[in-house]
Amino acid sequence: MEISASHSLKLSYRSKCEDLHGHNWIITVYCRSEELNADGMVVDFTHIKEAVMGRLDHRNLNDVLPFNPTAENIARWVCDQIPTCFKVEVRESKGNTVIYEKD
């Protein structure tokens, strides 16, 4: 899915990312289950979009997330929002991609 959102980072070193800026984030969610639910799905994509896009799209991530909104922290947060999720890929720009995977 793609969301448009802004953020500013609080880092231990001086960075231009401390200033408010935005991205068109590409978020890929990987889910798995040993069995499909009664509807024949692992999870309904609509529920994933509501949990992620519904809370983050067109927002300042510093205002809606209780942590420093790095791509890595966002990937972990997304993974935690979806019970069947085991991996999340977050791309904030071309060449800047992180992958968070549960153990």
N, C-alpha and C. Protein backbone atom coordinates (compact mmCIF):
# COMPACT_ATOMS: atom_id res chain seq x y z
N MET A 1 0.84 -1.17 0.00
CA MET A 1 0.00 0.00 0.00
C MET A 1 0.89 1.23 0.00
N GLU A 2 0.34 2.33 -0.41
CA GLU A 2 1.09 3.59 -0.43
C GLU A 2 0.38 4.59 0.45
N ILE A 3 1.16 5.25 1.32
CA ILE A 3 0.62 6.33 2.12
C ILE A 3 1.48 7.58 1.93
N SER A 4 0.87 8.72 2.06
CA SER A 4 1.59 9.99 2.06
C SER A 4 1.56 10.50 3.48
N ALA A 5 2.74 10.77 4.02
CA ALA A 5 2.80 11.23 5.41
C ALA A 5 4.10 11.99 5.65
N SER A 6 4.06 12.86 6.63
CA SER A 6 5.25 13.63 7.00
C SER A 6 5.78 13.12 8.34
N HIS A 7 7.02 13.47 8.61
CA HIS A 7 7.62 13.17 9.91
C HIS A 7 8.88 14.01 10.08
N SER A 8 9.36 14.07 11.29
CA SER A 8 10.68 14.62 11.59
C SER A 8 11.30 13.66 12.59
N LEU A 9 12.59 13.46 12.46
CA LEU A 9 13.27 12.49 13.30
C LEU A 9 14.07 13.17 14.41
N LYS A 10 14.08 12.55 15.56
CA LYS A 10 14.90 12.99 16.68
C LYS A 10 16.07 12.02 16.75
N LEU A 11 17.25 12.49 16.35
CA LEU A 11 18.41 11.62 16.24
C LEU A 11 19.53 12.05 17.18
N SER A 12 20.49 11.18 17.38
CA SER A 12 21.61 11.48 18.27
C SER A 12 22.71 12.27 17.56
N TYR A 13 22.48 12.65 16.32
CA TYR A 13 23.43 13.42 15.53
C TYR A 13 22.65 14.41 14.68
N ARG A 14 23.32 15.43 14.17
CA ARG A 14 22.68 16.45 13.34
C ARG A 14 22.34 15.85 11.97
N SER A 15 21.11 16.05 11.55
CA SER A 15 20.65 15.51 10.28
C SER A 15 19.56 16.41 9.71
N LYS A 16 19.51 16.52 8.38
CA LYS A 16 18.44 17.30 7.76
C LYS A 16 17.08 16.65 8.01
N CYS A 17 17.08 15.37 8.40
CA CYS A 17 15.82 14.67 8.68
C CYS A 17 15.17 15.12 9.99
N GLU A 18 15.86 15.97 10.74
CA GLU A 18 15.26 16.55 11.95
C GLU A 18 14.17 17.56 11.58
N ASP A 19 14.26 18.10 10.38
CA ASP A 19 13.25 19.04 9.89
C ASP A 19 12.05 18.26 9.35
N LEU A 20 10.87 18.83 9.51
CA LEU A 20 9.65 18.20 9.00
C LEU A 20 9.76 18.02 7.49
N HIS A 21 9.47 16.80 7.03
CA HIS A 21 9.51 16.48 5.61
C HIS A 21 8.56 15.31 5.36
N GLY A 22 8.27 15.03 4.11
CA GLY A 22 7.30 13.99 3.80
C GLY A 22 7.80 12.98 2.80
N HIS A 23 7.09 11.86 2.76
CA HIS A 23 7.39 10.78 1.82
C HIS A 23 6.09 10.20 1.30
N ASN A 24 6.16 9.56 0.17
CA ASN A 24 5.11 8.65 -0.28
C ASN A 24 5.64 7.26 0.05
N TRP A 25 5.26 6.78 1.21
CA TRP A 25 5.75 5.52 1.74
C TRP A 25 5.09 4.35 1.02
N ILE A 26 5.87 3.34 0.69
CA ILE A 26 5.35 2.08 0.16
C ILE A 26 5.52 1.04 1.27
N ILE A 27 4.42 0.48 1.71
CA ILE A 27 4.44 -0.47 2.82
C ILE A 27 3.90 -1.81 2.31
N THR A 28 4.73 -2.84 2.46
CA THR A 28 4.33 -4.19 2.07
C THR A 28 4.23 -5.02 3.33
N VAL A 29 3.08 -5.65 3.50
CA VAL A 29 2.79 -6.46 4.69
C VAL A 29 2.74 -7.92 4.28
N TYR A 30 3.46 -8.75 5.02
CA TYR A 30 3.48 -10.19 4.78
C TYR A 30 2.79 -10.88 5.94
N CYS A 31 1.77 -11.68 5.62
CA CYS A 31 1.01 -12.40 6.64
C CYS A 31 1.03 -13.89 6.33
N ARG A 32 0.86 -14.68 7.39
CA ARG A 32 0.79 -16.13 7.18
C ARG A 32 -0.09 -16.76 8.25
N SER A 33 -0.58 -17.91 7.90
CA SER A 33 -1.42 -18.67 8.82
C SER A 33 -1.36 -20.13 8.40
N GLU A 34 -1.48 -21.02 9.36
CA GLU A 34 -1.51 -22.45 9.04
C GLU A 34 -2.83 -22.83 8.38
N GLU A 35 -3.87 -22.04 8.64
CA GLU A 35 -5.18 -22.31 8.06
C GLU A 35 -5.81 -21.01 7.59
N LEU A 36 -6.68 -21.11 6.61
CA LEU A 36 -7.44 -19.95 6.15
C LEU A 36 -8.66 -19.78 7.05
N ASN A 37 -9.13 -18.55 7.17
CA ASN A 37 -10.31 -18.30 7.99
C ASN A 37 -11.57 -18.77 7.25
N ALA A 38 -12.73 -18.56 7.84
CA ALA A 38 -14.00 -19.02 7.27
C ALA A 38 -14.28 -18.40 5.90
N ASP A 39 -13.67 -17.24 5.62
CA ASP A 39 -13.85 -16.58 4.33
C ASP A 39 -12.81 -17.02 3.30
N GLY A 40 -11.92 -17.92 3.70
CA GLY A 40 -10.89 -18.40 2.78
C GLY A 40 -9.70 -17.47 2.66
N MET A 41 -9.44 -16.69 3.73
CA MET A 41 -8.35 -15.72 3.72
C MET A 41 -7.43 -15.92 4.92
N VAL A 42 -6.21 -15.43 4.80
CA VAL A 42 -5.33 -15.29 5.97
C VAL A 42 -5.78 -14.05 6.73
N VAL A 43 -5.96 -12.97 6.00
CA VAL A 43 -6.47 -11.71 6.56
C VAL A 43 -7.06 -10.91 5.40
N ASP A 44 -8.11 -10.18 5.68
CA ASP A 44 -8.73 -9.34 4.65
C ASP A 44 -7.86 -8.11 4.43
N PHE A 45 -7.49 -7.85 3.18
CA PHE A 45 -6.66 -6.68 2.87
C PHE A 45 -7.30 -5.38 3.36
N THR A 46 -8.61 -5.33 3.36
CA THR A 46 -9.31 -4.13 3.84
C THR A 46 -8.98 -3.87 5.30
N HIS A 47 -8.88 -4.91 6.11
CA HIS A 47 -8.55 -4.73 7.52
C HIS A 47 -7.13 -4.21 7.70
N ILE A 48 -6.23 -4.67 6.85
CA ILE A 48 -4.85 -4.17 6.90
C ILE A 48 -4.83 -2.68 6.54
N LYS A 49 -5.53 -2.33 5.48
CA LYS A 49 -5.55 -0.92 5.05
C LYS A 49 -6.17 -0.03 6.12
N GLU A 50 -7.23 -0.50 6.78
CA GLU A 50 -7.84 0.29 7.85
C GLU A 50 -6.87 0.49 9.00
N ALA A 51 -6.16 -0.56 9.37
CA ALA A 51 -5.23 -0.50 10.50
C ALA A 51 -4.04 0.40 10.22
N VAL A 52 -3.61 0.45 8.96
CA VAL A 52 -2.40 1.20 8.62
C VAL A 52 -2.75 2.52 7.93
N MET A 53 -3.33 2.44 6.75
CA MET A 53 -3.66 3.66 6.01
C MET A 53 -4.63 4.54 6.78
N GLY A 54 -5.61 3.91 7.39
CA GLY A 54 -6.62 4.67 8.12
C GLY A 54 -6.06 5.50 9.25
N ARG A 55 -4.90 5.10 9.76
CA ARG A 55 -4.30 5.82 10.88
C ARG A 55 -3.12 6.69 10.49
N LEU A 56 -2.48 6.39 9.34
CA LEU A 56 -1.24 7.10 8.99
C LEU A 56 -1.32 7.98 7.76
N ASP A 57 -2.20 7.67 6.81
CA ASP A 57 -2.21 8.39 5.53
C ASP A 57 -2.57 9.86 5.71
N HIS A 58 -1.78 10.72 5.09
CA HIS A 58 -1.96 12.18 5.11
C HIS A 58 -1.92 12.73 6.54
N ARG A 59 -1.01 12.20 7.32
CA ARG A 59 -0.84 12.65 8.71
C ARG A 59 0.62 13.00 8.95
N ASN A 60 0.85 13.75 10.02
CA ASN A 60 2.20 13.95 10.54
C ASN A 60 2.42 12.79 11.50
N LEU A 61 3.33 11.89 11.17
CA LEU A 61 3.53 10.68 11.96
C LEU A 61 3.97 10.97 13.39
N ASN A 62 4.63 12.10 13.61
CA ASN A 62 5.02 12.49 14.97
C ASN A 62 3.80 12.75 15.85
N ASP A 63 2.68 13.11 15.23
CA ASP A 63 1.46 13.41 15.99
C ASP A 63 0.64 12.15 16.30
N VAL A 64 0.83 11.07 15.55
CA VAL A 64 -0.02 9.89 15.73
C VAL A 64 0.70 8.65 16.24
N LEU A 65 2.02 8.66 16.22
CA LEU A 65 2.78 7.50 16.71
C LEU A 65 3.54 7.88 17.97
N PRO A 66 3.58 6.99 18.96
CA PRO A 66 4.20 7.32 20.25
C PRO A 66 5.70 7.04 20.31
N PHE A 67 6.40 7.13 19.17
CA PHE A 67 7.83 6.85 19.11
C PHE A 67 8.45 7.65 17.99
N ASN A 68 9.77 7.65 17.93
CA ASN A 68 10.50 8.32 16.86
C ASN A 68 10.15 7.61 15.54
N PRO A 69 9.49 8.28 14.60
CA PRO A 69 8.95 7.61 13.41
C PRO A 69 9.99 7.32 12.32
N THR A 70 10.99 6.54 12.67
CA THR A 70 11.94 6.05 11.66
C THR A 70 11.23 4.98 10.83
N ALA A 71 11.76 4.70 9.67
CA ALA A 71 11.17 3.64 8.83
C ALA A 71 11.18 2.31 9.58
N GLU A 72 12.25 2.07 10.34
CA GLU A 72 12.36 0.82 11.10
C GLU A 72 11.28 0.72 12.17
N ASN A 73 11.08 1.80 12.91
CA ASN A 73 10.03 1.80 13.95
C ASN A 73 8.64 1.69 13.34
N ILE A 74 8.44 2.31 12.20
CA ILE A 74 7.14 2.22 11.52
C ILE A 74 6.89 0.78 11.08
N ALA A 75 7.90 0.12 10.53
CA ALA A 75 7.74 -1.28 10.10
C ALA A 75 7.37 -2.17 11.28
N ARG A 76 8.04 -1.98 12.41
CA ARG A 76 7.72 -2.78 13.59
C ARG A 76 6.29 -2.51 14.07
N TRP A 77 5.89 -1.24 14.08
CA TRP A 77 4.54 -0.86 14.52
C TRP A 77 3.49 -1.50 13.62
N VAL A 78 3.70 -1.42 12.29
CA VAL A 78 2.74 -2.02 11.36
C VAL A 78 2.62 -3.51 11.63
N CYS A 79 3.73 -4.18 11.81
CA CYS A 79 3.73 -5.62 12.07
C CYS A 79 2.92 -5.94 13.34
N ASP A 80 3.05 -5.10 14.34
CA ASP A 80 2.34 -5.31 15.60
C ASP A 80 0.83 -5.07 15.50
N GLN A 81 0.39 -4.35 14.47
CA GLN A 81 -1.04 -4.03 14.32
C GLN A 81 -1.85 -5.18 13.73
N ILE A 82 -1.17 -6.14 13.11
CA ILE A 82 -1.86 -7.20 12.36
C ILE A 82 -1.43 -8.55 12.93
N PRO A 83 -2.33 -9.27 13.59
CA PRO A 83 -1.95 -10.51 14.27
C PRO A 83 -1.26 -11.56 13.39
N THR A 84 -1.62 -11.67 12.13
CA THR A 84 -1.03 -12.70 11.27
C THR A 84 0.24 -12.22 10.55
N CYS A 85 0.63 -10.99 10.80
CA CYS A 85 1.79 -10.40 10.12
C CYS A 85 3.09 -10.93 10.73
N PHE A 86 4.03 -11.28 9.85
CA PHE A 86 5.34 -11.72 10.33
C PHE A 86 6.48 -10.88 9.75
N LYS A 87 6.19 -10.07 8.73
CA LYS A 87 7.23 -9.26 8.10
C LYS A 87 6.61 -8.03 7.45
N VAL A 88 7.31 -6.91 7.54
CA VAL A 88 6.86 -5.66 6.91
C VAL A 88 8.05 -5.01 6.23
N GLU A 89 7.81 -4.56 5.01
CA GLU A 89 8.81 -3.81 4.27
C GLU A 89 8.31 -2.38 4.13
N VAL A 90 9.15 -1.41 4.48
CA VAL A 90 8.79 0.00 4.38
C VAL A 90 9.82 0.69 3.50
N ARG A 91 9.33 1.31 2.43
CA ARG A 91 10.20 2.10 1.54
C ARG A 91 9.78 3.55 1.65
N GLU A 92 10.69 4.38 2.13
CA GLU A 92 10.34 5.80 2.25
C GLU A 92 10.75 6.59 1.02
N SER A 93 11.68 6.06 0.25
CA SER A 93 12.07 6.67 -1.02
C SER A 93 12.88 5.64 -1.81
N LYS A 94 13.10 5.91 -3.07
CA LYS A 94 13.86 4.97 -3.90
C LYS A 94 15.23 4.75 -3.27
N GLY A 95 15.53 3.50 -3.02
CA GLY A 95 16.83 3.16 -2.43
C GLY A 95 16.87 3.16 -0.92
N ASN A 96 15.79 3.59 -0.27
CA ASN A 96 15.74 3.61 1.20
C ASN A 96 14.61 2.70 1.67
N THR A 97 14.95 1.46 1.91
CA THR A 97 13.97 0.43 2.27
C THR A 97 14.47 -0.32 3.49
N VAL A 98 13.53 -0.61 4.41
CA VAL A 98 13.86 -1.45 5.57
C VAL A 98 12.89 -2.61 5.61
N ILE A 99 13.34 -3.70 6.22
CA ILE A 99 12.50 -4.85 6.43
C ILE A 99 12.56 -5.22 7.91
N TYR A 100 11.39 -5.32 8.51
CA TYR A 100 11.29 -5.77 9.89
C TYR A 100 10.63 -7.15 9.86
N GLU A 101 11.22 -8.10 10.56
CA GLU A 101 10.68 -9.46 10.59
C GLU A 101 10.66 -9.95 12.03
N LYS A 102 9.51 -10.49 12.44
CA LYS A 102 9.40 -11.08 13.77
C LYS A 102 10.21 -12.36 13.82
N ASP A 103 10.72 -12.67 14.99
CA ASP A 103 11.45 -13.95 15.16
C ASP A 103 10.50 -15.11 15.15
